[in-house]
Amino acid sequence: LSVVRYLKEDQRFDDAKKFIEKAVKYYPRSVALLLEYVHFILRDKDFKKLKNILLLIKNLQAESNPLYYSKYLEGLGFLSVVKGDNKTAAKQFRLALKIHESHELRSKLASLELGGPTGVESLIKESKVIELINKAKTEMRKKNWDKAFQLAIDASDLYEEYIPAQLLLSEIEVKRGFFTSAIKKLEGLQGEFPLNFNI
């Protein structure tokens, strides 16, 4: 796997794909290799092969590994999207993220366009907001308050019901000296979500 990751980092995707295909032939029961192979299959949009590999991973019970099972669900989610079953895809993506929070999956979801059934749209929106929050936190660590403030506003505007985005915006408002705005926002959230003790 290290060789494949090195080749991917070096942007040598064709070499990496050949290497992983060879490795899967030698070790067809290695779920780690099969899951790495799934990345290339998705990249090539070979959904028939994806279905077969996911079935093989299912038969191997994902080696009873929660991380592998989460990646398996992620693959199933993308297969469901291709089939047009967005409701099932949303459930599979949510379960995958519940088992193992994955920045990679969040980034993939954030790159999708909004639209479609509410479940998928909500998940995509949430992923976009989490990505904006992470960028804002990075800017906060760099003490780049204007950029952090703008990213927090974007996150807050994109999904007003997502409490962590509102809390981050309030935190930045306090650091920038906008105390009245921050207090007003927090009081509004507390009135709207009285049972959420993070507010």
Protein backbone atom coordinates (compact mmCIF):
# COMPACT_ATOMS: atom_id res chain seq x y z
CA LEU A 1 0.00 0.00 0.00
CA SER A 2 2.87 2.38 0.70
CA VAL A 3 4.09 2.09 -2.89
CA VAL A 4 0.60 2.84 -4.22
CA ARG A 5 0.26 5.87 -1.95
CA TYR A 6 3.69 7.12 -3.02
CA LEU A 7 2.77 6.77 -6.71
CA LYS A 8 -0.53 8.60 -6.09
CA GLU A 9 1.30 11.42 -4.30
CA ASP A 10 3.68 11.60 -7.28
CA GLN A 11 0.62 11.91 -9.61
CA ARG A 12 1.55 8.62 -11.31
CA PHE A 13 -1.98 7.24 -11.26
CA ASP A 14 -1.56 4.77 -14.14
CA ASP A 15 1.48 3.19 -12.46
CA ALA A 16 -0.35 3.09 -9.14
CA LYS A 17 -3.37 1.42 -10.76
CA LYS A 18 -1.19 -1.24 -12.43
CA PHE A 19 0.57 -1.89 -9.13
CA ILE A 20 -2.68 -2.27 -7.17
CA GLU A 21 -4.22 -4.53 -9.84
CA LYS A 22 -1.16 -6.79 -9.61
CA ALA A 23 -1.31 -6.75 -5.80
CA VAL A 24 -5.03 -7.67 -5.80
CA LYS A 25 -4.28 -10.68 -8.05
CA TYR A 26 -1.67 -11.92 -5.55
CA TYR A 27 -3.74 -11.10 -2.45
CA PRO A 28 -7.42 -11.29 -3.51
CA ARG A 29 -8.64 -11.60 0.09
CA SER A 30 -6.92 -8.45 1.39
CA VAL A 31 -9.69 -5.96 2.11
CA ALA A 32 -7.15 -3.14 2.51
CA LEU A 33 -5.92 -3.71 -1.05
CA LEU A 34 -9.45 -4.10 -2.40
CA LEU A 35 -10.51 -0.80 -0.81
CA GLU A 36 -7.48 0.95 -2.29
CA TYR A 37 -8.45 -0.54 -5.65
CA VAL A 38 -11.96 0.94 -5.22
CA HIS A 39 -10.40 4.46 -5.48
CA PHE A 40 -9.10 3.67 -8.96
CA ILE A 41 -12.33 1.99 -10.04
CA LEU A 42 -14.30 5.08 -8.99
CA ARG A 43 -11.79 7.29 -10.80
CA ASP A 44 -12.29 5.22 -13.99
CA LYS A 45 -16.07 5.12 -13.46
CA ASP A 46 -16.08 1.33 -13.91
CA PHE A 47 -19.23 0.74 -11.88
CA LYS A 48 -19.69 -2.90 -12.90
CA LYS A 49 -16.25 -3.71 -11.48
CA LEU A 50 -17.05 -1.57 -8.41
CA LYS A 51 -20.15 -3.68 -7.72
CA ASN A 52 -18.10 -6.90 -7.96
CA ILE A 53 -15.32 -5.62 -5.67
CA LEU A 54 -17.85 -4.39 -3.08
CA LEU A 55 -19.56 -7.79 -3.16
CA LEU A 56 -16.19 -9.44 -2.54
CA ILE A 57 -15.51 -7.09 0.41
CA LYS A 58 -18.98 -7.90 1.78
CA ASN A 59 -18.26 -11.64 1.51
CA LEU A 60 -15.00 -11.07 3.39
CA GLN A 61 -17.06 -9.19 6.03
CA ALA A 62 -14.66 -6.25 5.66
CA GLU A 63 -12.30 -8.30 7.86
CA SER A 64 -14.53 -7.25 10.80
CA ASN A 65 -12.69 -3.92 10.76
CA PRO A 66 -14.81 -0.79 11.44
CA LEU A 67 -12.61 1.41 9.23
CA TYR A 68 -12.84 -1.04 6.35
CA TYR A 69 -16.60 -1.36 6.86
CA SER A 70 -16.93 2.43 6.77
CA LYS A 71 -14.99 2.54 3.47
CA TYR A 72 -17.17 -0.29 2.14
CA LEU A 73 -20.30 1.74 2.96
CA GLU A 74 -18.74 4.74 1.24
CA GLY A 75 -18.29 2.65 -1.92
CA LEU A 76 -21.89 1.42 -1.66
CA GLY A 77 -23.00 5.05 -1.32
CA PHE A 78 -21.31 6.04 -4.56
CA LEU A 79 -22.77 2.98 -6.28
CA SER A 80 -26.24 4.02 -5.06
CA VAL A 81 -25.68 7.55 -6.42
CA VAL A 82 -24.84 6.08 -9.84
CA LYS A 83 -28.03 3.99 -9.72
CA GLY A 84 -29.99 7.14 -8.90
CA ASP A 85 -30.99 5.91 -5.45
CA ASN A 86 -29.97 9.04 -3.55
CA LYS A 87 -32.02 8.18 -0.46
CA THR A 88 -30.07 4.95 0.07
CA ALA A 89 -26.81 6.76 -0.76
CA ALA A 90 -27.48 9.35 1.95
CA LYS A 91 -28.09 6.59 4.53
CA GLN A 92 -24.89 4.78 3.52
CA PHE A 93 -22.79 7.94 3.62
CA ARG A 94 -24.21 8.94 7.01
CA LEU A 95 -23.54 5.49 8.47
CA ALA A 96 -20.00 5.51 7.02
CA LEU A 97 -19.34 8.90 8.64
CA LYS A 98 -20.89 7.73 11.92
CA ILE A 99 -18.56 4.72 12.06
CA HIS A 100 -15.50 6.71 10.97
CA GLU A 101 -15.41 10.48 10.42
CA SER A 102 -13.57 10.87 7.13
CA HIS A 103 -12.26 14.21 5.88
CA GLU A 104 -11.75 12.54 2.49
CA LEU A 105 -15.42 11.55 2.22
CA ARG A 106 -16.55 14.96 3.47
CA SER A 107 -14.41 16.59 0.77
CA LYS A 108 -15.88 14.35 -1.92
CA LEU A 109 -19.40 15.17 -0.76
CA ALA A 110 -18.57 18.87 -0.54
CA SER A 111 -17.46 18.82 -4.18
CA LEU A 112 -20.87 17.51 -5.30
CA GLU A 113 -23.47 19.97 -6.48
CA LEU A 114 -26.54 20.67 -4.38
CA GLY A 115 -29.82 19.30 -5.66
CA GLY A 116 -31.75 16.07 -5.51
CA PRO A 117 -33.58 14.55 -2.55
CA THR A 118 -33.49 16.30 0.81
CA GLY A 119 -31.34 13.62 2.53
CA VAL A 120 -28.52 13.83 0.01
CA GLU A 121 -28.77 17.62 -0.28
CA SER A 122 -28.60 17.95 3.50
CA LEU A 123 -25.53 15.68 3.66
CA ILE A 124 -23.77 17.58 0.86
CA LYS A 125 -24.61 20.90 2.51
CA GLU A 126 -23.33 19.65 5.88
CA SER A 127 -20.09 18.47 4.27
CA LYS A 128 -19.59 21.83 2.52
CA VAL A 129 -20.15 23.62 5.85
CA ILE A 130 -17.70 21.35 7.71
CA GLU A 131 -15.08 22.03 5.06
CA LEU A 132 -15.62 25.80 5.44
CA ILE A 133 -15.44 25.48 9.25
CA ASN A 134 -12.14 23.58 8.99
CA LYS A 135 -10.72 26.26 6.68
CA ALA A 136 -11.90 28.99 9.06
CA LYS A 137 -10.23 27.23 12.02
CA THR A 138 -7.00 26.99 10.02
CA GLU A 139 -7.13 30.73 9.36
CA MET A 140 -7.83 31.34 13.06
CA ARG A 141 -4.68 29.43 14.00
CA LYS A 142 -2.76 31.66 11.57
CA LYS A 143 -4.39 34.71 13.21
CA ASN A 144 -5.83 35.68 9.83
CA TRP A 145 -9.07 36.97 11.36
CA ASP A 146 -10.59 38.60 8.25
CA LYS A 147 -10.32 35.40 6.20
CA ALA A 148 -11.56 33.27 9.13
CA PHE A 149 -14.49 35.64 9.64
CA GLN A 150 -15.47 35.47 5.95
CA LEU A 151 -15.27 31.66 5.89
CA ALA A 152 -17.36 31.43 9.08
CA ILE A 153 -19.98 33.76 7.57
CA ASP A 154 -20.06 31.60 4.41
CA ALA A 155 -20.53 28.45 6.51
CA SER A 156 -23.23 30.09 8.61
CA ASP A 157 -25.11 31.39 5.55
CA LEU A 158 -24.90 28.07 3.71
CA TYR A 159 -26.60 26.07 6.49
CA GLU A 160 -28.21 28.29 9.12
CA GLU A 161 -29.51 25.32 11.15
CA TYR A 162 -26.00 23.86 11.58
CA ILE A 163 -25.15 24.90 15.14
CA PRO A 164 -21.33 24.40 15.02
CA ALA A 165 -21.14 26.96 12.17
CA GLN A 166 -23.13 29.49 14.21
CA LEU A 167 -20.99 28.86 17.30
CA LEU A 168 -17.78 29.34 15.33
CA LEU A 169 -19.08 32.60 13.88
CA SER A 170 -19.97 33.79 17.39
CA GLU A 171 -16.50 32.84 18.65
CA ILE A 172 -14.83 34.85 15.87
CA GLU A 173 -17.19 37.78 16.48
CA VAL A 174 -16.09 37.82 20.13
CA LYS A 175 -12.40 37.73 19.11
CA ARG A 176 -13.00 40.62 16.69
CA GLY A 177 -14.88 42.64 19.33
CA PHE A 178 -18.42 42.26 17.95
CA PHE A 179 -19.79 41.30 21.38
CA THR A 180 -23.38 42.50 20.86
CA SER A 181 -23.76 40.52 17.63
CA ALA A 182 -22.27 37.39 19.21
CA ILE A 183 -24.52 37.61 22.30
CA LYS A 184 -27.59 38.22 20.16
CA LYS A 185 -26.75 35.20 17.98
CA LEU A 186 -26.15 32.93 20.99
CA GLU A 187 -29.35 34.05 22.72
CA GLY A 188 -31.30 33.35 19.51
CA LEU A 189 -29.76 29.88 19.23
CA GLN A 190 -30.48 29.15 22.89
CA GLY A 191 -34.11 30.12 22.41
CA GLU A 192 -34.36 27.98 19.26
CA PHE A 193 -32.49 24.96 20.66
CA PRO A 194 -33.02 25.02 24.46
CA LEU A 195 -31.89 21.42 24.93
CA ASN A 196 -28.54 21.87 23.19
CA PHE A 197 -26.05 22.43 26.01
CA ASN A 198 -23.17 23.34 23.63
CA ILE A 199 -24.74 26.79 23.19
